[in-house]
Structures are given as structure tokens and as C-alpha cells.
PDB file of N, CA and C in Angstrom:
ATOM      1  N   UNK A   1     -12.747   9.231  35.701  1.00  0.00           N
ATOM      2  CA  UNK A   1     -11.979   8.145  35.961  1.00  0.00           C
ATOM      3  C   UNK A   1     -12.278   6.838  35.125  1.00  0.00           C
ATOM      4  N   UNK A   2     -11.178   6.163  34.663  1.00  0.00           N
ATOM      5  CA  UNK A   2     -11.329   5.202  33.905  1.00  0.00           C
ATOM      6  C   UNK A   2     -11.693   3.750  34.620  1.00  0.00           C
ATOM      7  N   UNK A   3     -12.765   3.157  34.210  1.00  0.00           N
ATOM      8  CA  UNK A   3     -13.148   2.179  35.052  1.00  0.00           C
ATOM      9  C   UNK A   3     -12.733   0.525  34.194  1.00  0.00           C
ATOM     10  N   UNK A   4     -12.370  -0.355  34.777  1.00  0.00           N
ATOM     11  CA  UNK A   4     -11.985  -1.330  34.083  1.00  0.00           C
ATOM     12  C   UNK A   4     -13.069  -2.113  33.323  1.00  0.00           C
ATOM     13  N   UNK A   5     -14.350  -1.937  33.514  1.00  0.00           N
ATOM     14  CA  UNK A   5     -15.353  -2.609  33.012  1.00  0.00           C
ATOM     15  C   UNK A   5     -15.478  -2.055  31.522  1.00  0.00           C
ATOM     16  N   UNK A   6     -15.200  -0.686  31.456  1.00  0.00           N
ATOM     17  CA  UNK A   6     -15.323   0.119  30.050  1.00  0.00           C
ATOM     18  C   UNK A   6     -14.266  -0.268  29.227  1.00  0.00           C
ATOM     19  N   UNK A   7     -13.163  -0.592  29.814  1.00  0.00           N
ATOM     20  CA  UNK A   7     -11.940  -1.168  29.100  1.00  0.00           C
ATOM     21  C   UNK A   7     -12.270  -2.379  28.575  1.00  0.00           C
ATOM     22  N   UNK A   8     -12.778  -3.483  29.483  1.00  0.00           N
ATOM     23  CA  UNK A   8     -13.211  -4.718  28.956  1.00  0.00           C
ATOM     24  C   UNK A   8     -14.282  -4.481  27.648  1.00  0.00           C
ATOM     25  N   UNK A   9     -15.259  -3.933  28.092  1.00  0.00           N
ATOM     26  CA  UNK A   9     -16.185  -3.842  26.889  1.00  0.00           C
ATOM     27  C   UNK A   9     -15.692  -3.112  25.570  1.00  0.00           C
ATOM     28  N   UNK A  10     -14.570  -2.304  25.686  1.00  0.00           N
ATOM     29  CA  UNK A  10     -14.008  -1.676  24.502  1.00  0.00           C
ATOM     30  C   UNK A  10     -13.170  -2.818  23.800  1.00  0.00           C
ATOM     31  N   UNK A  11     -12.470  -3.593  24.667  1.00  0.00           N
ATOM     32  CA  UNK A  11     -11.516  -4.540  24.061  1.00  0.00           C
ATOM     33  C   UNK A  11     -12.518  -5.765  23.552  1.00  0.00           C
ATOM     34  N   UNK A  12     -13.633  -6.128  24.117  1.00  0.00           N
ATOM     35  CA  UNK A  12     -14.517  -7.025  23.519  1.00  0.00           C
ATOM     36  C   UNK A  12     -14.997  -6.574  22.255  1.00  0.00           C
ATOM     37  N   UNK A  13     -15.523  -5.277  22.248  1.00  0.00           N
ATOM     38  CA  UNK A  13     -16.056  -4.889  20.718  1.00  0.00           C
ATOM     39  C   UNK A  13     -14.973  -5.085  19.548  1.00  0.00           C
ATOM     40  N   UNK A  14     -13.701  -4.673  20.031  1.00  0.00           N
ATOM     41  CA  UNK A  14     -12.678  -4.674  19.025  1.00  0.00           C
ATOM     42  C   UNK A  14     -12.545  -6.195  18.504  1.00  0.00           C
ATOM     43  N   UNK A  15     -12.433  -6.989  19.546  1.00  0.00           N
ATOM     44  CA  UNK A  15     -12.271  -8.533  19.299  1.00  0.00           C
ATOM     45  C   UNK A  15     -13.567  -9.043  18.226  1.00  0.00           C
ATOM     46  N   UNK A  16     -14.811  -8.702  18.518  1.00  0.00           N
ATOM     47  CA  UNK A  16     -15.944  -8.949  17.934  1.00  0.00           C
ATOM     48  C   UNK A  16     -16.049  -8.473  16.189  1.00  0.00           C
ATOM     49  N   UNK A  17     -15.168  -7.225  16.346  1.00  0.00           N
ATOM     50  CA  UNK A  17     -15.127  -6.788  14.860  1.00  0.00           C
ATOM     51  C   UNK A  17     -14.247  -7.648  14.014  1.00  0.00           C
ATOM     52  N   UNK A  18     -13.133  -8.234  14.680  1.00  0.00           N
ATOM     53  CA  UNK A  18     -12.453  -9.158  13.825  1.00  0.00           C
ATOM     54  C   UNK A  18     -13.078 -10.577  13.594  1.00  0.00           C
ATOM     55  N   UNK A  19     -13.950 -11.023  14.232  1.00  0.00           N
ATOM     56  CA  UNK A  19     -14.765 -12.118  14.175  1.00  0.00           C
ATOM     57  C   UNK A  19     -15.740 -12.094  13.330  1.00  0.00           C
ATOM     58  N   UNK A  20     -16.124 -10.760  12.644  1.00  0.00           N
ATOM     59  CA  UNK A  20     -17.137 -10.591  11.782  1.00  0.00           C
ATOM     60  C   UNK A  20     -16.697 -10.860  10.414  1.00  0.00           C
ATOM     61  N   UNK A  21     -15.633 -11.346  10.094  1.00  0.00           N
ATOM     62  CA  UNK A  21     -15.241 -11.404   8.783  1.00  0.00           C
ATOM     63  C   UNK A  21     -15.703 -12.842   8.315  1.00  0.00           C
ATOM     64  N   UNK A  22     -16.353 -12.986   6.937  1.00  0.00           N
ATOM     65  CA  UNK A  22     -16.667 -14.119   6.706  1.00  0.00           C
ATOM     66  C   UNK A  22     -15.732 -15.150   6.177  1.00  0.00           C
ATOM     67  N   UNK A  23     -15.956 -16.156   7.089  1.00  0.00           N
ATOM     68  CA  UNK A  23     -14.651 -17.302   6.735  1.00  0.00           C
ATOM     69  C   UNK A  23     -14.859 -18.118   5.432  1.00  0.00           C
ATOM     70  N   UNK A  24     -16.034 -17.793   4.707  1.00  0.00           N
ATOM     71  CA  UNK A  24     -16.014 -18.543   3.511  1.00  0.00           C
ATOM     72  C   UNK A  24     -15.516 -17.604   2.253  1.00  0.00           C
ATOM     73  N   UNK A  25     -15.215 -16.435   2.649  1.00  0.00           N
ATOM     74  CA  UNK A  25     -14.622 -15.410   1.651  1.00  0.00           C
ATOM     75  C   UNK A  25     -13.136 -15.952   1.082  1.00  0.00           C
ATOM     76  N   UNK A  26     -12.910 -15.876  -0.251  1.00  0.00           N
ATOM     77  CA  UNK A  26     -11.540 -16.219  -0.621  1.00  0.00           C
ATOM     78  C   UNK A  26     -10.799 -15.064  -0.782  1.00  0.00           C
ATOM     79  N   UNK A  27      -9.620 -15.183  -0.238  1.00  0.00           N
ATOM     80  CA  UNK A  27      -8.436 -14.227  -0.444  1.00  0.00           C
ATOM     81  C   UNK A  27      -8.053 -13.966  -1.800  1.00  0.00           C
ATOM     82  N   UNK A  28      -8.030 -12.894  -2.419  1.00  0.00           N
ATOM     83  CA  UNK A  28      -7.386 -12.835  -3.716  1.00  0.00           C
ATOM     84  C   UNK A  28      -6.017 -12.000  -3.659  1.00  0.00           C
ATOM     85  N   UNK A  29      -5.119 -12.552  -4.098  1.00  0.00           N
ATOM     86  CA  UNK A  29      -3.695 -11.843  -4.111  1.00  0.00           C
ATOM     87  C   UNK A  29      -3.754 -10.593  -4.962  1.00  0.00           C
ATOM     88  N   UNK A  30      -3.153  -9.349  -4.352  1.00  0.00           N
ATOM     89  CA  UNK A  30      -3.117  -8.318  -5.040  1.00  0.00           C
ATOM     90  C   UNK A  30      -1.923  -8.224  -6.068  1.00  0.00           C
ATOM     91  N   UNK A  31      -0.868  -8.899  -6.035  1.00  0.00           N
ATOM     92  CA  UNK A  31       0.098  -8.836  -6.849  1.00  0.00           C
ATOM     93  C   UNK A  31       0.391 -10.298  -7.618  1.00  0.00           C
ATOM     94  N   UNK A  32       0.428 -10.304  -8.757  1.00  0.00           N
ATOM     95  CA  UNK A  32       0.407 -11.597  -9.691  1.00  0.00           C
ATOM     96  C   UNK A  32       1.684 -12.523  -9.506  1.00  0.00           C
ATOM     97  N   UNK A  33       2.742 -11.655  -9.000  1.00  0.00           N
ATOM     98  CA  UNK A  33       3.999 -12.319  -8.788  1.00  0.00           C
ATOM     99  C   UNK A  33       4.911 -12.198 -10.049  1.00  0.00           C
ATOM    100  N   UNK A  34       4.475 -11.622 -11.089  1.00  0.00           N
ATOM    101  CA  UNK A  34       5.217 -11.501 -12.469  1.00  0.00           C
ATOM    102  C   UNK A  34       5.421  -9.837 -12.977  1.00  0.00           C
ATOM    103  N   UNK A  35       4.414  -9.143 -12.855  1.00  0.00           N
ATOM    104  CA  UNK A  35       4.384  -7.814 -13.442  1.00  0.00           C
ATOM    105  C   UNK A  35       3.388  -6.728 -12.690  1.00  0.00           C
ATOM    106  N   UNK A  36       3.273  -5.646 -13.055  1.00  0.00           N
ATOM    107  CA  UNK A  36       2.463  -4.756 -12.496  1.00  0.00           C
ATOM    108  C   UNK A  36       1.023  -4.558 -13.164  1.00  0.00           C
ATOM    109  N   UNK A  37       0.643  -5.717 -13.966  1.00  0.00           N
ATOM    110  CA  UNK A  37      -0.823  -5.805 -14.432  1.00  0.00           C
ATOM    111  C   UNK A  37      -1.662  -5.790 -13.283  1.00  0.00           C
ATOM    112  N   UNK A  38      -2.783  -4.793 -13.544  1.00  0.00           N
ATOM    113  CA  UNK A  38      -3.802  -4.570 -12.594  1.00  0.00           C
ATOM    114  C   UNK A  38      -3.651  -3.460 -11.431  1.00  0.00           C
ATOM    115  N   UNK A  39      -2.381  -2.835 -11.692  1.00  0.00           N
ATOM    116  CA  UNK A  39      -1.854  -1.739 -10.773  1.00  0.00           C
ATOM    117  C   UNK A  39      -2.133  -0.485 -11.517  1.00  0.00           C
ATOM    118  N   UNK A  40      -2.237   0.813 -10.993  1.00  0.00           N
ATOM    119  CA  UNK A  40      -1.848   1.981 -11.220  1.00  0.00           C
ATOM    120  C   UNK A  40      -0.638   2.375 -10.573  1.00  0.00           C
ATOM    121  N   UNK A  41      -0.068   3.410 -11.230  1.00  0.00           N
ATOM    122  CA  UNK A  41       1.104   4.247 -10.558  1.00  0.00           C
ATOM    123  C   UNK A  41       0.719   5.794 -10.703  1.00  0.00           C
ATOM    124  N   UNK A  42       1.097   6.317  -9.769  1.00  0.00           N
ATOM    125  CA  UNK A  42       0.973   7.583  -9.804  1.00  0.00           C
ATOM    126  C   UNK A  42       2.328   8.394  -9.218  1.00  0.00           C
ATOM    127  N   UNK A  43       2.765   9.513 -10.115  1.00  0.00           N
ATOM    128  CA  UNK A  43       3.803  10.177  -9.519  1.00  0.00           C
ATOM    129  C   UNK A  43       3.625  11.855  -9.489  1.00  0.00           C
ATOM    130  N   UNK A  44       3.794  12.177  -8.424  1.00  0.00           N
ATOM    131  CA  UNK A  44       3.436  13.631  -8.106  1.00  0.00           C
ATOM    132  C   UNK A  44       4.404  14.375  -8.857  1.00  0.00           C
ATOM    133  N   UNK A  45       4.555  15.900  -8.435  1.00  0.00           N
ATOM    134  CA  UNK A  45       5.403  16.774  -9.142  1.00  0.00           C
ATOM    135  C   UNK A  45       6.877  16.469  -8.729  1.00  0.00           C
ATOM    136  N   UNK A  46       7.642  16.783  -9.634  1.00  0.00           N
ATOM    137  CA  UNK A  46       9.148  16.345  -9.262  1.00  0.00           C
ATOM    138  C   UNK A  46       9.629  17.222  -8.397  1.00  0.00           C
ATOM    139  N   UNK A  47      10.788  16.622  -7.649  1.00  0.00           N
ATOM    140  CA  UNK A  47      11.337  17.420  -6.482  1.00  0.00           C
ATOM    141  C   UNK A  47      12.871  17.180  -6.706  1.00  0.00           C
ATOM    142  N   UNK A  48      13.539  18.301  -6.254  1.00  0.00           N
ATOM    143  CA  UNK A  48      15.115  18.128  -6.275  1.00  0.00           C
ATOM    144  C   UNK A  48      15.598  17.540  -5.014  1.00  0.00           C
ATOM    145  N   UNK A  49      16.790  17.353  -4.998  1.00  0.00           N
ATOM    146  CA  UNK A  49      17.604  16.509  -4.041  1.00  0.00           C
ATOM    147  C   UNK A  49      17.200  16.932  -2.493  1.00  0.00           C
ATOM    148  N   UNK A  50      16.904  18.335  -2.358  1.00  0.00           N
ATOM    149  CA  UNK A  50      16.444  18.873  -1.031  1.00  0.00           C
ATOM    150  C   UNK A  50      14.972  18.752  -0.713  1.00  0.00           C
ATOM    151  N   UNK A  51      14.157  18.272  -1.842  1.00  0.00           N
ATOM    152  CA  UNK A  51      12.919  17.896  -1.608  1.00  0.00           C
ATOM    153  C   UNK A  51      11.937  18.977  -1.821  1.00  0.00           C
ATOM    154  N   UNK A  52      12.454  20.015  -2.638  1.00  0.00           N
ATOM    155  CA  UNK A  52      11.920  21.408  -3.096  1.00  0.00           C
ATOM    156  C   UNK A  52      11.188  21.035  -4.478  1.00  0.00           C
ATOM    157  N   UNK A  53      10.018  21.353  -4.688  1.00  0.00           N
ATOM    158  CA  UNK A  53       9.270  21.163  -5.663  1.00  0.00           C
ATOM    159  C   UNK A  53       9.811  21.953  -6.991  1.00  0.00           C
ATOM    160  N   UNK A  54      10.068  21.214  -8.022  1.00  0.00           N
ATOM    161  CA  UNK A  54      10.603  21.828  -9.521  1.00  0.00           C
ATOM    162  C   UNK A  54       9.509  22.280 -10.233  1.00  0.00           C
ATOM    163  N   UNK A  55       8.393  21.739 -10.009  1.00  0.00           N
ATOM    164  CA  UNK A  55       7.075  21.862 -10.817  1.00  0.00           C
ATOM    165  C   UNK A  55       5.855  21.942 -10.200  1.00  0.00           C
ATOM    166  N   UNK A  56       4.797  22.328 -10.471  1.00  0.00           N
ATOM    167  CA  UNK A  56       3.623  22.007  -9.875  1.00  0.00           C
ATOM    168  C   UNK A  56       2.862  21.008 -10.841  1.00  0.00           C
ATOM    169  N   UNK A  57       3.403  20.747 -11.703  1.00  0.00           N
ATOM    170  CA  UNK A  57       2.714  19.699 -12.699  1.00  0.00           C
ATOM    171  C   UNK A  57       3.252  18.288 -12.496  1.00  0.00           C
ATOM    172  N   UNK A  58       2.188  17.358 -11.972  1.00  0.00           N
ATOM    173  CA  UNK A  58       2.680  15.866 -11.498  1.00  0.00           C
ATOM    174  C   UNK A  58       3.033  15.240 -12.858  1.00  0.00           C
ATOM    175  N   UNK A  59       3.806  14.458 -12.648  1.00  0.00           N
ATOM    176  CA  UNK A  59       4.194  13.508 -13.748  1.00  0.00           C
ATOM    177  C   UNK A  59       2.841  12.674 -14.388  1.00  0.00           C
ATOM    178  N   UNK A  60       2.165  12.305 -13.194  1.00  0.00           N
ATOM    179  CA  UNK A  60       0.851  11.727 -13.761  1.00  0.00           C
ATOM    180  C   UNK A  60       0.557  10.108 -13.650  1.00  0.00           C
ATOM    181  N   UNK A  61      -0.573   9.914 -13.825  1.00  0.00           N
ATOM    182  CA  UNK A  61      -1.086   8.440 -13.726  1.00  0.00           C
ATOM    183  C   UNK A  61      -0.428   7.559 -14.771  1.00  0.00           C
ATOM    184  N   UNK A  62       0.014   6.472 -14.414  1.00  0.00           N
ATOM    185  CA  UNK A  62       0.639   5.520 -15.172  1.00  0.00           C
ATOM    186  C   UNK A  62       1.726   6.007 -16.200  1.00  0.00           C
ATOM    187  N   UNK A  63       2.317   7.012 -15.706  1.00  0.00           N
ATOM    188  CA  UNK A  63       3.311   7.572 -16.407  1.00  0.00           C
ATOM    189  C   UNK A  63       4.698   7.575 -15.597  1.00  0.00           C
ATOM    190  N   UNK A  64       5.410   6.379 -15.951  1.00  0.00           N
ATOM    191  CA  UNK A  64       6.736   6.190 -15.118  1.00  0.00           C
ATOM    192  C   UNK A  64       7.991   6.523 -15.914  1.00  0.00           C
ATOM    193  N   UNK A  65       8.290   7.489 -16.404  1.00  0.00           N
ATOM    194  CA  UNK A  65       9.620   7.649 -17.202  1.00  0.00           C
ATOM    195  C   UNK A  65      10.822   7.128 -16.541  1.00  0.00           C
ATOM    196  N   UNK A  66      11.056   7.657 -15.276  1.00  0.00           N
ATOM    197  CA  UNK A  66      12.306   6.931 -14.657  1.00  0.00           C
ATOM    198  C   UNK A  66      12.160   5.508 -14.114  1.00  0.00           C
ATOM    199  N   UNK A  67      10.966   4.925 -14.343  1.00  0.00           N
ATOM    200  CA  UNK A  67      10.846   3.438 -13.769  1.00  0.00           C
ATOM    201  C   UNK A  67      11.118   3.433 -12.385  1.00  0.00           C
ATOM    202  N   UNK A  68      10.429   4.399 -11.594  1.00  0.00           N
ATOM    203  CA  UNK A  68      10.276   4.356 -10.177  1.00  0.00           C
ATOM    204  C   UNK A  68       9.592   3.004  -9.536  1.00  0.00           C
ATOM    205  N   UNK A  69       8.395   2.506 -10.409  1.00  0.00           N
ATOM    206  CA  UNK A  69       7.762   1.413  -9.903  1.00  0.00           C
ATOM    207  C   UNK A  69       8.392   0.181 -10.886  1.00  0.00           C
ATOM    208  N   UNK A  70       8.894  -0.911 -10.313  1.00  0.00           N
ATOM    209  CA  UNK A  70       9.405  -2.048 -11.100  1.00  0.00           C
ATOM    210  C   UNK A  70       9.223  -3.213 -10.217  1.00  0.00           C
ATOM    211  N   UNK A  71       9.340  -4.267 -10.987  1.00  0.00           N
ATOM    212  CA  UNK A  71       9.222  -5.658 -10.322  1.00  0.00           C
ATOM    213  C   UNK A  71      10.686  -6.352 -10.408  1.00  0.00           C
ATOM    214  N   UNK A  72      11.224  -6.539  -9.270  1.00  0.00           N
ATOM    215  CA  UNK A  72      12.599  -7.021  -9.202  1.00  0.00           C
ATOM    216  C   UNK A  72      12.671  -8.565  -8.492  1.00  0.00           C
ATOM    217  N   UNK A  73      13.785  -9.235  -8.983  1.00  0.00           N
ATOM    218  CA  UNK A  73      13.786 -10.432  -8.049  1.00  0.00           C
ATOM    219  C   UNK A  73      14.592 -10.297  -6.775  1.00  0.00           C
ATOM    220  N   UNK A  74      13.925 -10.857  -5.801  1.00  0.00           N
ATOM    221  CA  UNK A  74      14.450 -10.809  -4.329  1.00  0.00           C
ATOM    222  C   UNK A  74      14.669 -12.205  -3.847  1.00  0.00           C
ATOM    223  N   UNK A  75      15.861 -12.744  -3.817  1.00  0.00           N
ATOM    224  CA  UNK A  75      16.126 -14.180  -3.235  1.00  0.00           C
ATOM    225  C   UNK A  75      15.093 -14.991  -3.758  1.00  0.00           C
ATOM    226  N   UNK A  76      14.882 -15.009  -5.222  1.00  0.00           N
ATOM    227  CA  UNK A  76      13.957 -15.806  -5.903  1.00  0.00           C
ATOM    228  C   UNK A  76      12.620 -15.586  -5.912  1.00  0.00           C
ATOM    229  N   UNK A  77      12.123 -14.440  -5.437  1.00  0.00           N
ATOM    230  CA  UNK A  77      10.725 -14.054  -5.353  1.00  0.00           C
ATOM    231  C   UNK A  77      10.574 -12.809  -6.152  1.00  0.00           C
ATOM    232  N   UNK A  78       9.634 -12.836  -6.946  1.00  0.00           N
ATOM    233  CA  UNK A  78       9.402 -11.363  -7.617  1.00  0.00           C
ATOM    234  C   UNK A  78       8.757 -10.548  -6.592  1.00  0.00           C
ATOM    235  N   UNK A  79       9.223  -9.260  -6.373  1.00  0.00           N
ATOM    236  CA  UNK A  79       8.545  -8.093  -5.399  1.00  0.00           C
ATOM    237  C   UNK A  79       8.499  -6.786  -6.236  1.00  0.00           C
ATOM    238  N   UNK A  80       7.531  -6.060  -5.606  1.00  0.00           N
ATOM    239  CA  UNK A  80       7.381  -4.710  -6.403  1.00  0.00           C
ATOM    240  C   UNK A  80       8.331  -3.807  -5.805  1.00  0.00           C
ATOM    241  N   UNK A  81       9.127  -3.064  -6.344  1.00  0.00           N
ATOM    242  CA  UNK A  81      10.183  -2.168  -5.852  1.00  0.00           C
ATOM    243  C   UNK A  81       9.773  -0.685  -6.188  1.00  0.00           C
ATOM    244  N   UNK A  82       9.645   0.373  -5.328  1.00  0.00           N
ATOM    245  CA  UNK A  82       9.509   1.677  -5.435  1.00  0.00           C
ATOM    246  C   UNK A  82      10.597   2.239  -5.180  1.00  0.00           C
ATOM    247  N   UNK A  83      11.174   2.955  -6.082  1.00  0.00           N
ATOM    248  CA  UNK A  83      12.624   3.605  -5.732  1.00  0.00           C
ATOM    249  C   UNK A  83      12.604   5.154  -5.256  1.00  0.00           C
ATOM    250  N   UNK A  84      11.557   5.681  -5.359  1.00  0.00           N
ATOM    251  CA  UNK A  84      11.517   7.040  -4.840  1.00  0.00           C
ATOM    252  C   UNK A  84      10.052   7.508  -4.551  1.00  0.00           C
TER     253      UNK A  84
END
């Protein structure tokens, strides 16, 4: 049987985990707002329209011949777009 005390302890521990973050740490943005500098892209094996694998060979790391990963303008803000 589930006791309210156990629930209270569990919830308290979860909140204490969030409080353990160092407030002096500086957040660093992952996206520079311009291009994909600092990012790696990976495209797996190609698929047909039905989702069936056409080849076992992946397209690979930082090889994007169809421009699946791009930076586009969205209402005046640059965002990362992943088309497939």
C-alpha cells in the first residue's frame, strides 16, 4: 500500500535535485543564431517513401548532400530546420 509519507519524501528529493544546480554557473547557448558552426550532423541509411531501407550504408557524419539540416529565417529569427 502506498503511504503519503513515501510520496512526500519522493517529491522532496526530486525538488532538492533541482536546487542543487550551481546558481553561479553561466548558461551558454548551443546555437549561435547564424549557422551550424559547432554542430555535427549525422544521416543514417537512406529510406524510401514507405520507410524501407534502401541501403545499409549510412550517409554519415557531417555529410548532408540533400541539405536536411539548414538554418532558416522564422519571423525574423534564425532557427535550425531539420527536414527529414
